[in-house]
Amino acid sequence: MRRHLLLKNRKLLAGPYLFWSVSFIIIPLLMIFYYGLTDKEGTFTWSNIAMMASPENLKALGLALLLSLVSTLICLVLAYPLAMILSEKNMNQTSLIVLIFILPMWMNFLLRTLAWQTLLEKNGVITAFLHSSVCHSSLSSIHRGYCIRYVYNFLPFMVLPIYNVLAKIDKDVIYAARDLGANEFQTFTQIIFPLSIPGIISGITMVFVPALTTFVISDLLGGSKILLIGNVIEQEFKQGSNWHVGSGLLLF
């Protein structure tokens, strides 16, 4: 009887989370589906989704995909070694390093973006460095600025999932692999990396999706000169007041 009451009380504790999820996740998603699949008269249509096929929208989507993929790859290359280093430290050292790493994230997102706007302006320090480096020939300066800003903003979201997975790997499995004759490279490729794939997938998802759909960074850094798909959707909602097309682009 007591166990039954305890389980019932635990279910009641999930009530606020359920209310939050329904109010701010499920209902908004249903609204997006409704607006995206109907016109202003409420008639079912695919035309809103088909708007993605226009040359302007395809160009914005392609550029957003390119910048998001590049930024996600850079985050992964930077985050994985750092996560491995953190996983090998003791708890006190790890807590301090993680605190230092996420400390800049406590600053307001808009303030951090405005700070990068100053650094990446035409005569900014970072812009001058990029023009004099080997990175000069890969992407335009404004595109490199986007990638730098994405990496700075989303890198912790790549590090933490990978670190959480690496920290949970049983050390005895690694010791057993080495006892059986596996070298460092074999241990990493056949033991550590396969076991860390769930963290990599989670980190890629947490970086790629926000980088693909963000519009604030491109508005502030690019001055609306370059449109990404996030800017197109934002303009449909705010400037054009066309929720149907905006929702259709989101559904795509």
C-alpha atoms as a PDB file:
ATOM      1  CA  MET A   1       0.000   0.000   0.000  1.00  0.00           C
ATOM      2  CA  ARG A   2       2.792   2.389   0.936  1.00  0.00           C
ATOM      3  CA  ARG A   3       4.675   1.535  -2.257  1.00  0.00           C
ATOM      4  CA  HIS A   4       1.555   2.225  -4.320  1.00  0.00           C
ATOM      5  CA  LEU A   5       1.155   5.646  -2.707  1.00  0.00           C
ATOM      6  CA  LEU A   6       4.837   6.408  -3.299  1.00  0.00           C
ATOM      7  CA  LEU A   7       4.544   5.587  -7.011  1.00  0.00           C
ATOM      8  CA  LYS A   8       1.379   7.677  -7.240  1.00  0.00           C
ATOM      9  CA  ASN A   9       3.117  10.652  -5.621  1.00  0.00           C
ATOM     10  CA  ARG A  10       6.015  10.315  -8.070  1.00  0.00           C
ATOM     11  CA  LYS A  11       3.603  10.445 -10.976  1.00  0.00           C
ATOM     12  CA  LEU A  12       2.061  13.591  -9.531  1.00  0.00           C
ATOM     13  CA  LEU A  13       5.507  15.199  -9.457  1.00  0.00           C
ATOM     14  CA  ALA A  14       5.618  14.846 -13.232  1.00  0.00           C
ATOM     15  CA  GLY A  15       2.494  17.013 -13.548  1.00  0.00           C
ATOM     16  CA  PRO A  16       4.256  20.408 -13.839  1.00  0.00           C
ATOM     17  CA  TYR A  17       6.637  19.047 -16.474  1.00  0.00           C
ATOM     18  CA  LEU A  18       3.737  17.517 -18.397  1.00  0.00           C
ATOM     19  CA  PHE A  19       1.858  20.825 -18.278  1.00  0.00           C
ATOM     20  CA  TRP A  20       4.943  22.693 -19.484  1.00  0.00           C
ATOM     21  CA  SER A  21       5.559  20.228 -22.325  1.00  0.00           C
ATOM     22  CA  VAL A  22       1.967  20.343 -23.537  1.00  0.00           C
ATOM     23  CA  SER A  23       1.717  24.136 -23.300  1.00  0.00           C
ATOM     24  CA  PHE A  24       5.046  25.134 -24.823  1.00  0.00           C
ATOM     25  CA  ILE A  25       6.055  22.180 -27.012  1.00  0.00           C
ATOM     26  CA  ILE A  26       3.116  20.095 -28.195  1.00  0.00           C
ATOM     27  CA  ILE A  27       0.581  22.895 -28.731  1.00  0.00           C
ATOM     28  CA  PRO A  28       3.065  25.158 -30.610  1.00  0.00           C
ATOM     29  CA  LEU A  29       4.062  22.220 -32.824  1.00  0.00           C
ATOM     30  CA  LEU A  30       0.413  21.503 -33.609  1.00  0.00           C
ATOM     31  CA  MET A  31      -0.054  25.170 -34.490  1.00  0.00           C
ATOM     32  CA  ILE A  32       2.954  25.017 -36.830  1.00  0.00           C
ATOM     33  CA  PHE A  33       1.468  21.969 -38.561  1.00  0.00           C
ATOM     34  CA  TYR A  34      -1.912  23.673 -38.879  1.00  0.00           C
ATOM     35  CA  TYR A  35      -0.587  26.938 -40.305  1.00  0.00           C
ATOM     36  CA  GLY A  36       1.955  25.180 -42.524  1.00  0.00           C
ATOM     37  CA  LEU A  37      -0.655  22.963 -44.179  1.00  0.00           C
ATOM     38  CA  THR A  38      -3.406  25.556 -44.656  1.00  0.00           C
ATOM     39  CA  ASP A  39      -3.854  28.863 -46.431  1.00  0.00           C
ATOM     40  CA  LYS A  40      -5.381  32.077 -45.041  1.00  0.00           C
ATOM     41  CA  GLU A  41      -8.878  30.678 -45.665  1.00  0.00           C
ATOM     42  CA  GLY A  42      -8.066  27.521 -43.697  1.00  0.00           C
ATOM     43  CA  THR A  43      -8.016  25.297 -46.787  1.00  0.00           C
ATOM     44  CA  PHE A  44      -5.517  22.425 -46.926  1.00  0.00           C
ATOM     45  CA  THR A  45      -2.558  23.147 -49.225  1.00  0.00           C
ATOM     46  CA  TRP A  46       1.034  22.100 -49.916  1.00  0.00           C
ATOM     47  CA  SER A  47       1.961  25.485 -51.384  1.00  0.00           C
ATOM     48  CA  ASN A  48       3.491  26.765 -48.156  1.00  0.00           C
ATOM     49  CA  ILE A  49       5.989  23.903 -48.031  1.00  0.00           C
ATOM     50  CA  ALA A  50       6.600  24.211 -51.788  1.00  0.00           C
ATOM     51  CA  MET A  51       7.849  27.782 -51.201  1.00  0.00           C
ATOM     52  CA  MET A  52      11.151  26.234 -50.123  1.00  0.00           C
ATOM     53  CA  ALA A  53      11.783  25.359 -53.779  1.00  0.00           C
ATOM     54  CA  SER A  54      12.140  29.023 -54.769  1.00  0.00           C
ATOM     55  CA  PRO A  55      15.714  30.000 -55.764  1.00  0.00           C
ATOM     56  CA  GLU A  56      16.083  32.529 -52.924  1.00  0.00           C
ATOM     57  CA  ASN A  57      14.969  30.071 -50.267  1.00  0.00           C
ATOM     58  CA  LEU A  58      17.098  27.250 -51.656  1.00  0.00           C
ATOM     59  CA  LYS A  59      20.132  29.545 -51.642  1.00  0.00           C
ATOM     60  CA  ALA A  60      19.441  30.554 -48.034  1.00  0.00           C
ATOM     61  CA  LEU A  61      18.955  26.899 -47.041  1.00  0.00           C
ATOM     62  CA  GLY A  62      22.128  25.771 -48.803  1.00  0.00           C
ATOM     63  CA  LEU A  63      24.246  28.484 -47.182  1.00  0.00           C
ATOM     64  CA  ALA A  64      22.756  27.744 -43.762  1.00  0.00           C
ATOM     65  CA  LEU A  65      23.471  24.024 -44.204  1.00  0.00           C
ATOM     66  CA  LEU A  66      27.068  24.740 -45.248  1.00  0.00           C
ATOM     67  CA  LEU A  67      27.806  27.051 -42.319  1.00  0.00           C
ATOM     68  CA  SER A  68      26.074  24.714 -39.859  1.00  0.00           C
ATOM     69  CA  LEU A  69      27.990  21.656 -41.098  1.00  0.00           C
ATOM     70  CA  VAL A  70      31.330  23.477 -40.967  1.00  0.00           C
ATOM     71  CA  SER A  71      30.611  24.843 -37.484  1.00  0.00           C
ATOM     72  CA  THR A  72      29.444  21.453 -36.216  1.00  0.00           C
ATOM     73  CA  LEU A  73      32.553  19.754 -37.571  1.00  0.00           C
ATOM     74  CA  ILE A  74      34.821  22.352 -35.946  1.00  0.00           C
ATOM     75  CA  CYS A  75      32.956  21.947 -32.646  1.00  0.00           C
ATOM     76  CA  LEU A  76      33.385  18.165 -32.822  1.00  0.00           C
ATOM     77  CA  VAL A  77      37.113  18.392 -33.574  1.00  0.00           C
ATOM     78  CA  LEU A  78      37.634  20.803 -30.677  1.00  0.00           C
ATOM     79  CA  ALA A  79      35.246  19.185 -28.232  1.00  0.00           C
ATOM     80  CA  TYR A  80      36.276  15.528 -28.416  1.00  0.00           C
ATOM     81  CA  PRO A  81      39.887  15.948 -27.217  1.00  0.00           C
ATOM     82  CA  LEU A  82      38.718  18.331 -24.498  1.00  0.00           C
ATOM     83  CA  ALA A  83      36.046  15.874 -23.368  1.00  0.00           C
ATOM     84  CA  MET A  84      38.646  13.091 -23.226  1.00  0.00           C
ATOM     85  CA  ILE A  85      40.951  15.255 -21.101  1.00  0.00           C
ATOM     86  CA  LEU A  86      38.084  16.117 -18.745  1.00  0.00           C
ATOM     87  CA  SER A  87      37.046  12.476 -18.411  1.00  0.00           C
ATOM     88  CA  GLU A  88      40.546  11.541 -17.234  1.00  0.00           C
ATOM     89  CA  LYS A  89      40.661  14.178 -14.504  1.00  0.00           C
ATOM     90  CA  ASN A  90      39.438  13.665 -10.959  1.00  0.00           C
ATOM     91  CA  MET A  91      36.097  15.117  -9.955  1.00  0.00           C
ATOM     92  CA  ASN A  92      37.421  18.305  -8.344  1.00  0.00           C
ATOM     93  CA  GLN A  93      39.616  19.202 -11.315  1.00  0.00           C
ATOM     94  CA  THR A  94      36.847  18.406 -13.784  1.00  0.00           C
ATOM     95  CA  SER A  95      34.297  20.564 -11.959  1.00  0.00           C
ATOM     96  CA  LEU A  96      36.648  23.546 -11.989  1.00  0.00           C
ATOM     97  CA  ILE A  97      37.552  23.153 -15.673  1.00  0.00           C
ATOM     98  CA  VAL A  98      33.913  22.746 -16.709  1.00  0.00           C
ATOM     99  CA  LEU A  99      32.990  25.811 -14.640  1.00  0.00           C
ATOM    100  CA  ILE A 100      35.683  27.884 -16.356  1.00  0.00           C
ATOM    101  CA  PHE A 101      34.590  26.564 -19.730  1.00  0.00           C
ATOM    102  CA  ILE A 102      30.904  27.438 -19.369  1.00  0.00           C
ATOM    103  CA  LEU A 103      31.484  30.688 -17.458  1.00  0.00           C
ATOM    104  CA  PRO A 104      31.188  32.870 -20.619  1.00  0.00           C
ATOM    105  CA  MET A 105      27.784  31.309 -21.257  1.00  0.00           C
ATOM    106  CA  TRP A 106      26.446  33.095 -18.176  1.00  0.00           C
ATOM    107  CA  MET A 107      26.666  36.360 -20.096  1.00  0.00           C
ATOM    108  CA  ASN A 108      23.596  37.420 -22.037  1.00  0.00           C
ATOM    109  CA  PHE A 109      23.441  35.942 -25.549  1.00  0.00           C
ATOM    110  CA  LEU A 110      22.773  39.329 -27.167  1.00  0.00           C
ATOM    111  CA  LEU A 111      25.712  40.977 -25.388  1.00  0.00           C
ATOM    112  CA  ARG A 112      28.060  38.219 -26.525  1.00  0.00           C
ATOM    113  CA  THR A 113      26.834  38.586 -30.098  1.00  0.00           C
ATOM    114  CA  LEU A 114      27.332  42.368 -30.018  1.00  0.00           C
ATOM    115  CA  ALA A 115      30.854  41.854 -28.671  1.00  0.00           C
ATOM    116  CA  TRP A 116      31.657  39.583 -31.599  1.00  0.00           C
ATOM    117  CA  GLN A 117      30.155  42.153 -33.928  1.00  0.00           C
ATOM    118  CA  THR A 118      32.869  44.576 -32.796  1.00  0.00           C
ATOM    119  CA  LEU A 119      35.621  41.978 -33.089  1.00  0.00           C
ATOM    120  CA  LEU A 120      34.514  40.922 -36.564  1.00  0.00           C
ATOM    121  CA  GLU A 121      33.956  44.376 -38.036  1.00  0.00           C
ATOM    122  CA  LYS A 122      35.945  45.436 -41.087  1.00  0.00           C
ATOM    123  CA  ASN A 123      38.914  46.734 -39.093  1.00  0.00           C
ATOM    124  CA  GLY A 124      38.497  44.317 -36.182  1.00  0.00           C
ATOM    125  CA  VAL A 125      41.321  42.281 -34.655  1.00  0.00           C
ATOM    126  CA  ILE A 126      39.976  38.882 -35.653  1.00  0.00           C
ATOM    127  CA  THR A 127      39.105  40.021 -39.184  1.00  0.00           C
ATOM    128  CA  ALA A 128      42.676  41.228 -39.697  1.00  0.00           C
ATOM    129  CA  PHE A 129      44.016  37.907 -38.429  1.00  0.00           C
ATOM    130  CA  LEU A 130      41.758  35.893 -40.736  1.00  0.00           C
ATOM    131  CA  HIS A 131      42.805  37.951 -43.750  1.00  0.00           C
ATOM    132  CA  SER A 132      46.453  37.205 -42.983  1.00  0.00           C
ATOM    133  CA  SER A 133      45.959  33.482 -42.245  1.00  0.00           C
ATOM    134  CA  VAL A 134      45.508  30.401 -44.411  1.00  0.00           C
ATOM    135  CA  CYS A 135      41.775  30.571 -43.702  1.00  0.00           C
ATOM    136  CA  HIS A 136      41.499  33.546 -46.029  1.00  0.00           C
ATOM    137  CA  SER A 137      40.809  31.477 -49.131  1.00  0.00           C
ATOM    138  CA  SER A 138      38.187  29.063 -47.776  1.00  0.00           C
ATOM    139  CA  LEU A 139      35.132  31.194 -46.953  1.00  0.00           C
ATOM    140  CA  SER A 140      34.355  34.880 -47.179  1.00  0.00           C
ATOM    141  CA  SER A 141      35.110  36.973 -44.119  1.00  0.00           C
ATOM    142  CA  ILE A 142      31.468  37.275 -43.109  1.00  0.00           C
ATOM    143  CA  HIS A 143      30.965  33.516 -43.456  1.00  0.00           C
ATOM    144  CA  ARG A 144      34.041  32.844 -41.345  1.00  0.00           C
ATOM    145  CA  GLY A 145      32.606  35.270 -38.798  1.00  0.00           C
ATOM    146  CA  TYR A 146      29.417  33.226 -38.671  1.00  0.00           C
ATOM    147  CA  CYS A 147      31.360  30.001 -38.134  1.00  0.00           C
ATOM    148  CA  ILE A 148      33.485  31.538 -35.377  1.00  0.00           C
ATOM    149  CA  ARG A 149      30.392  32.864 -33.644  1.00  0.00           C
ATOM    150  CA  TYR A 150      28.581  29.528 -33.956  1.00  0.00           C
ATOM    151  CA  VAL A 151      31.560  27.629 -32.553  1.00  0.00           C
ATOM    152  CA  TYR A 152      31.946  30.048 -29.656  1.00  0.00           C
ATOM    153  CA  ASN A 153      28.261  29.860 -28.812  1.00  0.00           C
ATOM    154  CA  PHE A 154      27.580  26.139 -29.278  1.00  0.00           C
ATOM    155  CA  LEU A 155      30.885  24.462 -28.327  1.00  0.00           C
ATOM    156  CA  PRO A 156      29.775  23.684 -24.732  1.00  0.00           C
ATOM    157  CA  PHE A 157      26.746  21.845 -26.130  1.00  0.00           C
ATOM    158  CA  MET A 158      29.152  19.530 -27.946  1.00  0.00           C
ATOM    159  CA  VAL A 159      31.590  19.062 -25.076  1.00  0.00           C
ATOM    160  CA  LEU A 160      29.165  18.167 -22.293  1.00  0.00           C
ATOM    161  CA  PRO A 161      27.305  15.242 -23.974  1.00  0.00           C
ATOM    162  CA  ILE A 162      30.580  13.683 -25.130  1.00  0.00           C
ATOM    163  CA  TYR A 163      32.137  14.174 -21.703  1.00  0.00           C
ATOM    164  CA  ASN A 164      29.156  12.594 -19.949  1.00  0.00           C
ATOM    165  CA  VAL A 165      29.442   9.486 -22.125  1.00  0.00           C
ATOM    166  CA  LEU A 166      33.230   9.204 -21.821  1.00  0.00           C
ATOM    167  CA  ALA A 167      33.092   9.641 -18.046  1.00  0.00           C
ATOM    168  CA  LYS A 168      30.704   6.682 -17.754  1.00  0.00           C
ATOM    169  CA  ILE A 169      32.909   4.245 -19.681  1.00  0.00           C
ATOM    170  CA  ASP A 170      34.092   1.512 -17.334  1.00  0.00           C
ATOM    171  CA  LYS A 171      37.863   1.860 -16.974  1.00  0.00           C
ATOM    172  CA  ASP A 172      38.138  -1.896 -16.526  1.00  0.00           C
ATOM    173  CA  VAL A 173      37.076  -2.333 -20.166  1.00  0.00           C
ATOM    174  CA  ILE A 174      39.966  -0.127 -21.283  1.00  0.00           C
ATOM    175  CA  TYR A 175      42.416  -1.904 -18.981  1.00  0.00           C
ATOM    176  CA  ALA A 176      41.232  -5.275 -20.287  1.00  0.00           C
ATOM    177  CA  ALA A 177      41.809  -4.152 -23.892  1.00  0.00           C
ATOM    178  CA  ARG A 178      45.345  -3.092 -23.060  1.00  0.00           C
ATOM    179  CA  ASP A 179      46.027  -6.323 -21.164  1.00  0.00           C
ATOM    180  CA  LEU A 180      44.986  -8.230 -24.292  1.00  0.00           C
ATOM    181  CA  GLY A 181      47.600  -6.379 -26.344  1.00  0.00           C
ATOM    182  CA  ALA A 182      45.687  -3.433 -27.803  1.00  0.00           C
ATOM    183  CA  ASN A 183      47.747  -0.298 -28.275  1.00  0.00           C
ATOM    184  CA  GLU A 184      46.493   3.252 -27.693  1.00  0.00           C
ATOM    185  CA  PHE A 185      45.161   3.645 -31.234  1.00  0.00           C
ATOM    186  CA  GLN A 186      43.351   0.296 -31.186  1.00  0.00           C
ATOM    187  CA  THR A 187      41.889   1.019 -27.760  1.00  0.00           C
ATOM    188  CA  PHE A 188      40.531   4.335 -28.975  1.00  0.00           C
ATOM    189  CA  THR A 189      39.160   3.151 -32.327  1.00  0.00           C
ATOM    190  CA  GLN A 190      37.655  -0.123 -31.095  1.00  0.00           C
ATOM    191  CA  ILE A 191      36.641   0.676 -27.504  1.00  0.00           C
ATOM    192  CA  ILE A 192      36.478   4.354 -26.597  1.00  0.00           C
ATOM    193  CA  PHE A 193      35.168   5.873 -29.831  1.00  0.00           C
ATOM    194  CA  PRO A 194      32.363   3.319 -30.437  1.00  0.00           C
ATOM    195  CA  LEU A 195      31.163   3.703 -26.848  1.00  0.00           C
ATOM    196  CA  SER A 196      31.157   7.511 -27.200  1.00  0.00           C
ATOM    197  CA  ILE A 197      29.018   7.574 -30.356  1.00  0.00           C
ATOM    198  CA  PRO A 198      25.758   8.297 -28.441  1.00  0.00           C
ATOM    199  CA  GLY A 199      27.384  11.402 -26.968  1.00  0.00           C
ATOM    200  CA  ILE A 200      28.667  12.458 -30.394  1.00  0.00           C
ATOM    201  CA  ILE A 201      25.207  12.088 -31.923  1.00  0.00           C
ATOM    202  CA  SER A 202      23.663  14.072 -29.083  1.00  0.00           C
ATOM    203  CA  GLY A 203      26.293  16.805 -29.390  1.00  0.00           C
ATOM    204  CA  ILE A 204      25.915  17.056 -33.167  1.00  0.00           C
ATOM    205  CA  THR A 205      22.152  17.385 -32.780  1.00  0.00           C
ATOM    206  CA  MET A 206      22.468  20.068 -30.108  1.00  0.00           C
ATOM    207  CA  VAL A 207      24.882  22.099 -32.256  1.00  0.00           C
ATOM    208  CA  PHE A 208      23.662  21.547 -35.815  1.00  0.00           C
ATOM    209  CA  VAL A 209      19.947  22.258 -35.294  1.00  0.00           C
ATOM    210  CA  PRO A 210      20.363  25.611 -33.454  1.00  0.00           C
ATOM    211  CA  ALA A 211      23.109  26.694 -35.876  1.00  0.00           C
ATOM    212  CA  LEU A 212      20.859  25.882 -38.843  1.00  0.00           C
ATOM    213  CA  THR A 213      17.831  27.814 -37.627  1.00  0.00           C
ATOM    214  CA  THR A 214      19.350  30.772 -35.771  1.00  0.00           C
ATOM    215  CA  PHE A 215      18.744  34.245 -37.188  1.00  0.00           C
ATOM    216  CA  VAL A 216      19.955  36.672 -34.513  1.00  0.00           C
ATOM    217  CA  ILE A 217      23.632  36.078 -35.243  1.00  0.00           C
ATOM    218  CA  SER A 218      23.277  36.633 -38.973  1.00  0.00           C
ATOM    219  CA  ASP A 219      21.111  39.731 -38.398  1.00  0.00           C
ATOM    220  CA  LEU A 220      23.668  41.370 -36.134  1.00  0.00           C
ATOM    221  CA  LEU A 221      26.901  40.223 -37.761  1.00  0.00           C
ATOM    222  CA  GLY A 222      25.759  40.357 -41.363  1.00  0.00           C
ATOM    223  CA  GLY A 223      23.502  43.375 -41.169  1.00  0.00           C
ATOM    224  CA  SER A 224      20.833  41.412 -43.084  1.00  0.00           C
ATOM    225  CA  LYS A 225      23.086  41.459 -46.157  1.00  0.00           C
ATOM    226  CA  ILE A 226      23.209  37.650 -46.247  1.00  0.00           C
ATOM    227  CA  LEU A 227      20.043  35.675 -45.633  1.00  0.00           C
ATOM    228  CA  LEU A 228      20.080  32.258 -44.032  1.00  0.00           C
ATOM    229  CA  ILE A 229      17.019  30.069 -43.827  1.00  0.00           C
ATOM    230  CA  GLY A 230      16.437  31.220 -40.254  1.00  0.00           C
ATOM    231  CA  ASN A 231      16.275  34.827 -41.450  1.00  0.00           C
ATOM    232  CA  VAL A 232      13.815  33.911 -44.206  1.00  0.00           C
ATOM    233  CA  ILE A 233      11.482  32.181 -41.741  1.00  0.00           C
ATOM    234  CA  GLU A 234      11.804  35.029 -39.245  1.00  0.00           C
ATOM    235  CA  GLN A 235      10.927  37.601 -41.904  1.00  0.00           C
ATOM    236  CA  GLU A 236       7.862  35.630 -42.986  1.00  0.00           C
ATOM    237  CA  PHE A 237       6.557  35.680 -39.414  1.00  0.00           C
ATOM    238  CA  LYS A 238       7.521  39.218 -38.381  1.00  0.00           C
ATOM    239  CA  GLN A 239       7.790  41.415 -41.468  1.00  0.00           C
ATOM    240  CA  GLY A 240       5.411  39.670 -43.841  1.00  0.00           C
ATOM    241  CA  SER A 241       3.005  38.524 -41.098  1.00  0.00           C
ATOM    242  CA  ASN A 242       2.570  35.365 -43.166  1.00  0.00           C
ATOM    243  CA  TRP A 243       2.433  32.631 -40.565  1.00  0.00           C
ATOM    244  CA  HIS A 244       1.328  30.065 -43.128  1.00  0.00           C
ATOM    245  CA  VAL A 245       4.420  30.354 -45.328  1.00  0.00           C
ATOM    246  CA  GLY A 246       6.697  30.655 -42.304  1.00  0.00           C
ATOM    247  CA  SER A 247       5.214  27.509 -40.783  1.00  0.00           C
ATOM    248  CA  GLY A 248       5.471  25.703 -44.120  1.00  0.00           C
ATOM    249  CA  LEU A 249       9.182  26.535 -44.325  1.00  0.00           C
ATOM    250  CA  LEU A 250       9.634  25.246 -40.769  1.00  0.00           C
ATOM    251  CA  LEU A 251       7.875  21.984 -41.666  1.00  0.00           C
ATOM    252  CA  PHE A 252      10.260  21.511 -44.576  1.00  0.00           C
END
